[in-house]
Amino acid sequence: MTEWGPGWRTTFTREVLKKRAEENRPRPSYLVQDLAARFGVSILISPVAHPELNPIEMIWGTVKMALKRVTLTFSFALLRGLSGAEF
């Protein structure tokens, strides 16, 4: 019997089909990584909004806490001044 013959729905369980799909899933490809590879540059993609694995999240957390400590109205000038004082 061929593996993917007319009775494939009855011969394979859902778990087997899921395992086959995961094994044959194409690897994600990011255009920016392909472009960077042409120039010999590697790009590390870090998890979004994960403070321990994405350093920019720690910086934004520090900025947000500085803004919370100041009870003034928000403005770009205030943000610039606070960022200079914090860093």
PDB file of N, CA and C in Angstrom:
ATOM      1  N   MET A   1       0.846  -1.183   0.000  1.00  0.00           N
ATOM      2  CA  MET A   1       0.000   0.000   0.000  1.00  0.00           C
ATOM      3  C   MET A   1       0.891   1.246   0.000  1.00  0.00           C
ATOM      4  N   THR A   2       0.571   2.193  -0.859  1.00  0.00           N
ATOM      5  CA  THR A   2       1.329   3.442  -0.849  1.00  0.00           C
ATOM      6  C   THR A   2       0.962   4.240   0.386  1.00  0.00           C
ATOM      7  N   GLU A   3       1.939   4.968   0.832  1.00  0.00           N
ATOM      8  CA  GLU A   3       1.756   5.714   2.067  1.00  0.00           C
ATOM      9  C   GLU A   3       0.638   6.753   1.981  1.00  0.00           C
ATOM     10  N   TRP A   4       0.544   7.452   0.866  1.00  0.00           N
ATOM     11  CA  TRP A   4      -0.453   8.509   0.735  1.00  0.00           C
ATOM     12  C   TRP A   4      -1.542   8.116  -0.274  1.00  0.00           C
ATOM     13  N   GLY A   5      -1.951   6.856  -0.229  1.00  0.00           N
ATOM     14  CA  GLY A   5      -3.009   6.371  -1.106  1.00  0.00           C
ATOM     15  C   GLY A   5      -4.371   6.907  -0.705  1.00  0.00           C
ATOM     16  N   PRO A   6      -5.433   6.377  -1.300  1.00  0.00           N
ATOM     17  CA  PRO A   6      -6.778   6.894  -1.047  1.00  0.00           C
ATOM     18  C   PRO A   6      -7.241   6.729   0.399  1.00  0.00           C
ATOM     19  N   GLY A   7      -6.696   5.783   1.128  1.00  0.00           N
ATOM     20  CA  GLY A   7      -7.150   5.573   2.506  1.00  0.00           C
ATOM     21  C   GLY A   7      -6.268   6.217   3.553  1.00  0.00           C
ATOM     22  N   TRP A   8      -5.514   7.276   3.191  1.00  0.00           N
ATOM     23  CA  TRP A   8      -4.568   7.871   4.136  1.00  0.00           C
ATOM     24  C   TRP A   8      -5.249   8.454   5.354  1.00  0.00           C
ATOM     25  N   ARG A   9      -6.488   8.896   5.211  1.00  0.00           N
ATOM     26  CA  ARG A   9      -7.182   9.478   6.368  1.00  0.00           C
ATOM     27  C   ARG A   9      -7.491   8.433   7.425  1.00  0.00           C
ATOM     28  N   THR A  10      -7.689   7.224   7.015  1.00  0.00           N
ATOM     29  CA  THR A  10      -8.013   6.180   7.982  1.00  0.00           C
ATOM     30  C   THR A  10      -6.784   5.435   8.471  1.00  0.00           C
ATOM     31  N   THR A  11      -5.672   5.505   7.736  1.00  0.00           N
ATOM     32  CA  THR A  11      -4.490   4.744   8.156  1.00  0.00           C
ATOM     33  C   THR A  11      -3.576   5.520   9.098  1.00  0.00           C
ATOM     34  N   PHE A  12      -3.620   6.832   9.076  1.00  0.00           N
ATOM     35  CA  PHE A  12      -2.749   7.622   9.941  1.00  0.00           C
ATOM     36  C   PHE A  12      -3.558   8.272  11.058  1.00  0.00           C
ATOM     37  N   THR A  13      -2.994   8.240  12.246  1.00  0.00           N
ATOM     38  CA  THR A  13      -3.654   8.907  13.363  1.00  0.00           C
ATOM     39  C   THR A  13      -3.318  10.396  13.314  1.00  0.00           C
ATOM     40  N   ARG A  14      -4.043  11.148  14.058  1.00  0.00           N
ATOM     41  CA  ARG A  14      -3.816  12.589  14.122  1.00  0.00           C
ATOM     42  C   ARG A  14      -2.413  12.903  14.627  1.00  0.00           C
ATOM     43  N   GLU A  15      -1.935  12.126  15.608  1.00  0.00           N
ATOM     44  CA  GLU A  15      -0.600  12.351  16.157  1.00  0.00           C
ATOM     45  C   GLU A  15       0.473  12.124  15.101  1.00  0.00           C
ATOM     46  N   VAL A  16       0.303  11.071  14.294  1.00  0.00           N
ATOM     47  CA  VAL A  16       1.288  10.770  13.255  1.00  0.00           C
ATOM     48  C   VAL A  16       1.293  11.879  12.213  1.00  0.00           C
ATOM     49  N   LEU A  17       0.109  12.338  11.818  1.00  0.00           N
ATOM     50  CA  LEU A  17       0.036  13.418  10.832  1.00  0.00           C
ATOM     51  C   LEU A  17       0.645  14.703  11.373  1.00  0.00           C
ATOM     52  N   LYS A  18       0.406  14.995  12.648  1.00  0.00           N
ATOM     53  CA  LYS A  18       0.983  16.202  13.255  1.00  0.00           C
ATOM     54  C   LYS A  18       2.506  16.102  13.301  1.00  0.00           C
ATOM     55  N   LYS A  19       3.019  14.904  13.655  1.00  0.00           N
ATOM     56  CA  LYS A  19       4.463  14.709  13.707  1.00  0.00           C
ATOM     57  C   LYS A  19       5.082  14.884  12.318  1.00  0.00           C
ATOM     58  N   ARG A  20       4.436  14.340  11.300  1.00  0.00           N
ATOM     59  CA  ARG A  20       4.941  14.481   9.925  1.00  0.00           C
ATOM     60  C   ARG A  20       4.929  15.943   9.494  1.00  0.00           C
ATOM     61  N   ALA A  21       3.868  16.668   9.864  1.00  0.00           N
ATOM     62  CA  ALA A  21       3.785  18.087   9.497  1.00  0.00           C
ATOM     63  C   ALA A  21       4.905  18.877  10.162  1.00  0.00           C
ATOM     64  N   GLU A  22       5.185  18.596  11.437  1.00  0.00           N
ATOM     65  CA  GLU A  22       6.257  19.309  12.144  1.00  0.00           C
ATOM     66  C   GLU A  22       7.630  18.973  11.556  1.00  0.00           C
ATOM     67  N   GLU A  23       7.824  17.729  11.158  1.00  0.00           N
ATOM     68  CA  GLU A  23       9.103  17.327  10.572  1.00  0.00           C
ATOM     69  C   GLU A  23       9.346  17.988   9.217  1.00  0.00           C
ATOM     70  N   ASN A  24       8.283  18.255   8.481  1.00  0.00           N
ATOM     71  CA  ASN A  24       8.407  18.796   7.130  1.00  0.00           C
ATOM     72  C   ASN A  24       8.087  20.279   7.023  1.00  0.00           C
ATOM     73  N   ARG A  25       7.892  20.928   8.151  1.00  0.00           N
ATOM     74  CA  ARG A  25       7.598  22.360   8.141  1.00  0.00           C
ATOM     75  C   ARG A  25       8.821  23.121   7.664  1.00  0.00           C
ATOM     76  N   PRO A  26       8.632  24.048   6.728  1.00  0.00           N
ATOM     77  CA  PRO A  26       9.793  24.818   6.262  1.00  0.00           C
ATOM     78  C   PRO A  26      10.337  25.716   7.369  1.00  0.00           C
ATOM     79  N   ARG A  27      11.636  25.863   7.379  1.00  0.00           N
ATOM     80  CA  ARG A  27      12.293  26.715   8.365  1.00  0.00           C
ATOM     81  C   ARG A  27      11.987  28.184   8.036  1.00  0.00           C
ATOM     82  N   PRO A  28      11.665  29.002   9.045  1.00  0.00           N
ATOM     83  CA  PRO A  28      11.361  30.402   8.738  1.00  0.00           C
ATOM     84  C   PRO A  28      12.574  31.121   8.149  1.00  0.00           C
ATOM     85  N   SER A  29      12.305  31.927   7.160  1.00  0.00           N
ATOM     86  CA  SER A  29      13.365  32.679   6.506  1.00  0.00           C
ATOM     87  C   SER A  29      12.996  34.154   6.553  1.00  0.00           C
ATOM     88  N   TYR A  30      13.906  34.970   7.046  1.00  0.00           N
ATOM     89  CA  TYR A  30      13.669  36.397   7.156  1.00  0.00           C
ATOM     90  C   TYR A  30      14.479  37.117   6.078  1.00  0.00           C
ATOM     91  N   LEU A  31      13.829  37.982   5.344  1.00  0.00           N
ATOM     92  CA  LEU A  31      14.486  38.679   4.247  1.00  0.00           C
ATOM     93  C   LEU A  31      15.695  39.480   4.722  1.00  0.00           C
ATOM     94  N   VAL A  32      15.579  40.075   5.905  1.00  0.00           N
ATOM     95  CA  VAL A  32      16.684  40.889   6.406  1.00  0.00           C
ATOM     96  C   VAL A  32      17.910  40.021   6.680  1.00  0.00           C
ATOM     97  N   GLN A  33      17.701  38.776   7.111  1.00  0.00           N
ATOM     98  CA  GLN A  33      18.836  37.889   7.340  1.00  0.00           C
ATOM     99  C   GLN A  33      19.474  37.469   6.016  1.00  0.00           C
ATOM    100  N   ASP A  34      18.649  37.236   4.998  1.00  0.00           N
ATOM    101  CA  ASP A  34      19.195  36.891   3.680  1.00  0.00           C
ATOM    102  C   ASP A  34      20.014  38.048   3.115  1.00  0.00           C
ATOM    103  N   LEU A  35      19.515  39.261   3.262  1.00  0.00           N
ATOM    104  CA  LEU A  35      20.226  40.439   2.780  1.00  0.00           C
ATOM    105  C   LEU A  35      21.531  40.631   3.546  1.00  0.00           C
ATOM    106  N   ALA A  36      21.482  40.487   4.853  1.00  0.00           N
ATOM    107  CA  ALA A  36      22.681  40.668   5.675  1.00  0.00           C
ATOM    108  C   ALA A  36      23.732  39.609   5.356  1.00  0.00           C
ATOM    109  N   ALA A  37      23.286  38.398   5.050  1.00  0.00           N
ATOM    110  CA  ALA A  37      24.235  37.319   4.737  1.00  0.00           C
ATOM    111  C   ALA A  37      25.028  37.631   3.470  1.00  0.00           C
ATOM    112  N   ARG A  38      24.415  38.346   2.540  1.00  0.00           N
ATOM    113  CA  ARG A  38      25.143  38.726   1.323  1.00  0.00           C
ATOM    114  C   ARG A  38      26.319  39.639   1.620  1.00  0.00           C
ATOM    115  N   PHE A  39      26.225  40.390   2.714  1.00  0.00           N
ATOM    116  CA  PHE A  39      27.296  41.313   3.096  1.00  0.00           C
ATOM    117  C   PHE A  39      28.164  40.754   4.220  1.00  0.00           C
ATOM    118  N   GLY A  40      27.959  39.494   4.566  1.00  0.00           N
ATOM    119  CA  GLY A  40      28.767  38.861   5.601  1.00  0.00           C
ATOM    120  C   GLY A  40      28.411  39.300   7.006  1.00  0.00           C
ATOM    121  N   VAL A  41      27.187  39.745   7.213  1.00  0.00           N
ATOM    122  CA  VAL A  41      26.743  40.215   8.522  1.00  0.00           C
ATOM    123  C   VAL A  41      25.714  39.221   9.056  1.00  0.00           C
ATOM    124  N   SER A  42      25.812  38.877  10.328  1.00  0.00           N
ATOM    125  CA  SER A  42      24.798  38.003  10.926  1.00  0.00           C
ATOM    126  C   SER A  42      23.911  38.823  11.846  1.00  0.00           C
ATOM    127  N   ILE A  43      22.645  38.465  11.861  1.00  0.00           N
ATOM    128  CA  ILE A  43      21.657  39.180  12.666  1.00  0.00           C
ATOM    129  C   ILE A  43      21.086  38.208  13.688  1.00  0.00           C
ATOM    130  N   LEU A  44      21.055  38.623  14.943  1.00  0.00           N
ATOM    131  CA  LEU A  44      20.442  37.826  15.994  1.00  0.00           C
ATOM    132  C   LEU A  44      19.052  38.378  16.252  1.00  0.00           C
ATOM    133  N   ILE A  45      18.055  37.521  16.172  1.00  0.00           N
ATOM    134  CA  ILE A  45      16.684  37.948  16.429  1.00  0.00           C
ATOM    135  C   ILE A  45      16.348  37.549  17.854  1.00  0.00           C
ATOM    136  N   SER A  46      16.034  38.524  18.671  1.00  0.00           N
ATOM    137  CA  SER A  46      15.728  38.250  20.069  1.00  0.00           C
ATOM    138  C   SER A  46      14.221  38.258  20.280  1.00  0.00           C
ATOM    139  N   PRO A  47      13.764  37.586  21.326  1.00  0.00           N
ATOM    140  CA  PRO A  47      12.329  37.543  21.592  1.00  0.00           C
ATOM    141  C   PRO A  47      11.777  38.939  21.875  1.00  0.00           C
ATOM    142  N   VAL A  48      10.588  39.182  21.399  1.00  0.00           N
ATOM    143  CA  VAL A  48       9.943  40.483  21.577  1.00  0.00           C
ATOM    144  C   VAL A  48       9.450  40.603  23.015  1.00  0.00           C
ATOM    145  N   ALA A  49       9.647  41.746  23.621  1.00  0.00           N
ATOM    146  CA  ALA A  49       9.123  42.088  24.951  1.00  0.00           C
ATOM    147  C   ALA A  49       9.554  41.102  26.043  1.00  0.00           C
ATOM    148  N   HIS A  50      10.727  40.554  25.945  1.00  0.00           N
ATOM    149  CA  HIS A  50      11.252  39.675  26.990  1.00  0.00           C
ATOM    150  C   HIS A  50      12.408  40.399  27.662  1.00  0.00           C
ATOM    151  N   PRO A  51      12.210  40.918  28.866  1.00  0.00           N
ATOM    152  CA  PRO A  51      13.213  41.791  29.480  1.00  0.00           C
ATOM    153  C   PRO A  51      14.568  41.138  29.745  1.00  0.00           C
ATOM    154  N   GLU A  52      14.606  39.835  29.940  1.00  0.00           N
ATOM    155  CA  GLU A  52      15.888  39.202  30.235  1.00  0.00           C
ATOM    156  C   GLU A  52      16.678  38.871  28.971  1.00  0.00           C
ATOM    157  N   LEU A  53      15.980  38.685  27.841  1.00  0.00           N
ATOM    158  CA  LEU A  53      16.665  38.283  26.622  1.00  0.00           C
ATOM    159  C   LEU A  53      16.766  39.402  25.591  1.00  0.00           C
ATOM    160  N   ASN A  54      16.069  40.487  25.804  1.00  0.00           N
ATOM    161  CA  ASN A  54      16.102  41.605  24.874  1.00  0.00           C
ATOM    162  C   ASN A  54      16.533  42.855  25.639  1.00  0.00           C
ATOM    163  N   PRO A  55      17.789  43.274  25.511  1.00  0.00           N
ATOM    164  CA  PRO A  55      18.321  44.375  26.326  1.00  0.00           C
ATOM    165  C   PRO A  55      17.553  45.685  26.194  1.00  0.00           C
ATOM    166  N   ILE A  56      16.966  45.975  25.038  1.00  0.00           N
ATOM    167  CA  ILE A  56      16.252  47.242  24.886  1.00  0.00           C
ATOM    168  C   ILE A  56      15.056  47.307  25.824  1.00  0.00           C
ATOM    169  N   GLU A  57      14.500  46.155  26.183  1.00  0.00           N
ATOM    170  CA  GLU A  57      13.363  46.141  27.110  1.00  0.00           C
ATOM    171  C   GLU A  57      13.783  46.627  28.493  1.00  0.00           C
ATOM    172  N   MET A  58      15.027  46.312  28.903  1.00  0.00           N
ATOM    173  CA  MET A  58      15.524  46.808  30.189  1.00  0.00           C
ATOM    174  C   MET A  58      15.672  48.322  30.155  1.00  0.00           C
ATOM    175  N   ILE A  59      16.128  48.844  29.027  1.00  0.00           N
ATOM    176  CA  ILE A  59      16.292  50.293  28.893  1.00  0.00           C
ATOM    177  C   ILE A  59      14.936  50.979  28.943  1.00  0.00           C
ATOM    178  N   TRP A  60      13.960  50.446  28.183  1.00  0.00           N
ATOM    179  CA  TRP A  60      12.630  51.049  28.210  1.00  0.00           C
ATOM    180  C   TRP A  60      12.002  50.944  29.591  1.00  0.00           C
ATOM    181  N   GLY A  61      12.276  49.857  30.309  1.00  0.00           N
ATOM    182  CA  GLY A  61      11.776  49.732  31.681  1.00  0.00           C
ATOM    183  C   GLY A  61      12.345  50.815  32.578  1.00  0.00           C
ATOM    184  N   THR A  62      13.632  51.115  32.412  1.00  0.00           N
ATOM    185  CA  THR A  62      14.262  52.183  33.196  1.00  0.00           C
ATOM    186  C   THR A  62      13.655  53.532  32.858  1.00  0.00           C
ATOM    187  N   VAL A  63      13.419  53.779  31.573  1.00  0.00           N
ATOM    188  CA  VAL A  63      12.821  55.053  31.150  1.00  0.00           C
ATOM    189  C   VAL A  63      11.404  55.177  31.708  1.00  0.00           C
ATOM    190  N   LYS A  64      10.641  54.103  31.643  1.00  0.00           N
ATOM    191  CA  LYS A  64       9.263  54.148  32.154  1.00  0.00           C
ATOM    192  C   LYS A  64       9.230  54.422  33.653  1.00  0.00           C
ATOM    193  N   MET A  65      10.150  53.793  34.397  1.00  0.00           N
ATOM    194  CA  MET A  65      10.192  54.034  35.850  1.00  0.00           C
ATOM    195  C   MET A  65      10.586  55.477  36.150  1.00  0.00           C
ATOM    196  N   ALA A  66      11.500  56.037  35.363  1.00  0.00           N
ATOM    197  CA  ALA A  66      11.893  57.434  35.566  1.00  0.00           C
ATOM    198  C   ALA A  66      10.707  58.350  35.289  1.00  0.00           C
ATOM    199  N   LEU A  67       9.928  58.031  34.273  1.00  0.00           N
ATOM    200  CA  LEU A  67       8.748  58.849  33.978  1.00  0.00           C
ATOM    201  C   LEU A  67       7.687  58.729  35.066  1.00  0.00           C
ATOM    202  N   LYS A  68       7.570  57.556  35.672  1.00  0.00           N
ATOM    203  CA  LYS A  68       6.594  57.373  36.745  1.00  0.00           C
ATOM    204  C   LYS A  68       6.979  58.159  37.991  1.00  0.00           C
ATOM    205  N   ARG A  69       8.295  58.271  38.242  1.00  0.00           N
ATOM    206  CA  ARG A  69       8.747  59.000  39.429  1.00  0.00           C
ATOM    207  C   ARG A  69       8.463  60.489  39.314  1.00  0.00           C
ATOM    208  N   VAL A  70       8.475  61.004  38.116  1.00  0.00           N
ATOM    209  CA  VAL A  70       8.221  62.419  37.882  1.00  0.00           C
ATOM    210  C   VAL A  70       6.731  62.580  37.610  1.00  0.00           C
ATOM    211  N   THR A  71       6.072  63.426  38.360  1.00  0.00           N
ATOM    212  CA  THR A  71       4.628  63.575  38.211  1.00  0.00           C
ATOM    213  C   THR A  71       4.276  64.809  37.392  1.00  0.00           C
ATOM    214  N   LEU A  72       5.089  65.135  36.414  1.00  0.00           N
ATOM    215  CA  LEU A  72       4.822  66.273  35.548  1.00  0.00           C
ATOM    216  C   LEU A  72       4.128  65.788  34.286  1.00  0.00           C
ATOM    217  N   THR A  73       3.637  66.716  33.498  1.00  0.00           N
ATOM    218  CA  THR A  73       3.042  66.326  32.230  1.00  0.00           C
ATOM    219  C   THR A  73       4.150  65.885  31.282  1.00  0.00           C
ATOM    220  N   PHE A  74       3.815  64.961  30.420  1.00  0.00           N
ATOM    221  CA  PHE A  74       4.801  64.373  29.529  1.00  0.00           C
ATOM    222  C   PHE A  74       5.066  65.283  28.341  1.00  0.00           C
ATOM    223  N   SER A  75       6.339  65.416  27.981  1.00  0.00           N
ATOM    224  CA  SER A  75       6.724  66.126  26.765  1.00  0.00           C
ATOM    225  C   SER A  75       8.023  65.504  26.258  1.00  0.00           C
ATOM    226  N   PHE A  76       8.337  65.753  24.999  1.00  0.00           N
ATOM    227  CA  PHE A  76       9.556  65.208  24.428  1.00  0.00           C
ATOM    228  C   PHE A  76      10.790  65.799  25.113  1.00  0.00           C
ATOM    229  N   ALA A  77      10.725  67.071  25.443  1.00  0.00           N
ATOM    230  CA  ALA A  77      11.843  67.715  26.139  1.00  0.00           C
ATOM    231  C   ALA A  77      12.073  67.066  27.503  1.00  0.00           C
ATOM    232  N   LEU A  78      10.977  66.753  28.205  1.00  0.00           N
ATOM    233  CA  LEU A  78      11.090  66.085  29.505  1.00  0.00           C
ATOM    234  C   LEU A  78      11.724  64.703  29.335  1.00  0.00           C
ATOM    235  N   LEU A  79      11.290  63.968  28.313  1.00  0.00           N
ATOM    236  CA  LEU A  79      11.850  62.644  28.055  1.00  0.00           C
ATOM    237  C   LEU A  79      13.340  62.744  27.749  1.00  0.00           C
ATOM    238  N   ARG A  80      13.727  63.706  26.952  1.00  0.00           N
ATOM    239  CA  ARG A  80      15.140  63.892  26.622  1.00  0.00           C
ATOM    240  C   ARG A  80      15.962  64.222  27.876  1.00  0.00           C
ATOM    241  N   GLY A  81      15.443  65.093  28.712  1.00  0.00           N
ATOM    242  CA  GLY A  81      16.147  65.451  29.940  1.00  0.00           C
ATOM    243  C   GLY A  81      16.268  64.282  30.898  1.00  0.00           C
ATOM    244  N   LEU A  82      15.174  63.500  31.048  1.00  0.00           N
ATOM    245  CA  LEU A  82      15.211  62.346  31.941  1.00  0.00           C
ATOM    246  C   LEU A  82      16.149  61.266  31.415  1.00  0.00           C
ATOM    247  N   SER A  83      16.163  61.069  30.119  1.00  0.00           N
ATOM    248  CA  SER A  83      17.056  60.053  29.566  1.00  0.00           C
ATOM    249  C   SER A  83      18.513  60.463  29.773  1.00  0.00           C
ATOM    250  N   GLY A  84      18.798  61.763  29.652  1.00  0.00           N
ATOM    251  CA  GLY A  84      20.163  62.234  29.916  1.00  0.00           C
ATOM    252  C   GLY A  84      20.543  62.064  31.369  1.00  0.00           C
ATOM    253  N   ALA A  85      19.597  62.274  32.278  1.00  0.00           N
ATOM    254  CA  ALA A  85      19.883  62.139  33.701  1.00  0.00           C
ATOM    255  C   ALA A  85      20.044  60.666  34.095  1.00  0.00           C
ATOM    256  N   GLU A  86      19.257  59.789  33.504  1.00  0.00           N
ATOM    257  CA  GLU A  86      19.298  58.370  33.869  1.00  0.00           C
ATOM    258  C   GLU A  86      20.510  57.662  33.296  1.00  0.00           C
ATOM    259  N   PHE A  87      20.928  58.067  32.092  1.00  0.00           N
ATOM    260  CA  PHE A  87      21.988  57.334  31.421  1.00  0.00           C
ATOM    261  C   PHE A  87      23.243  58.173  31.316  1.00  0.00           C
TER     262      PHE A  87
END
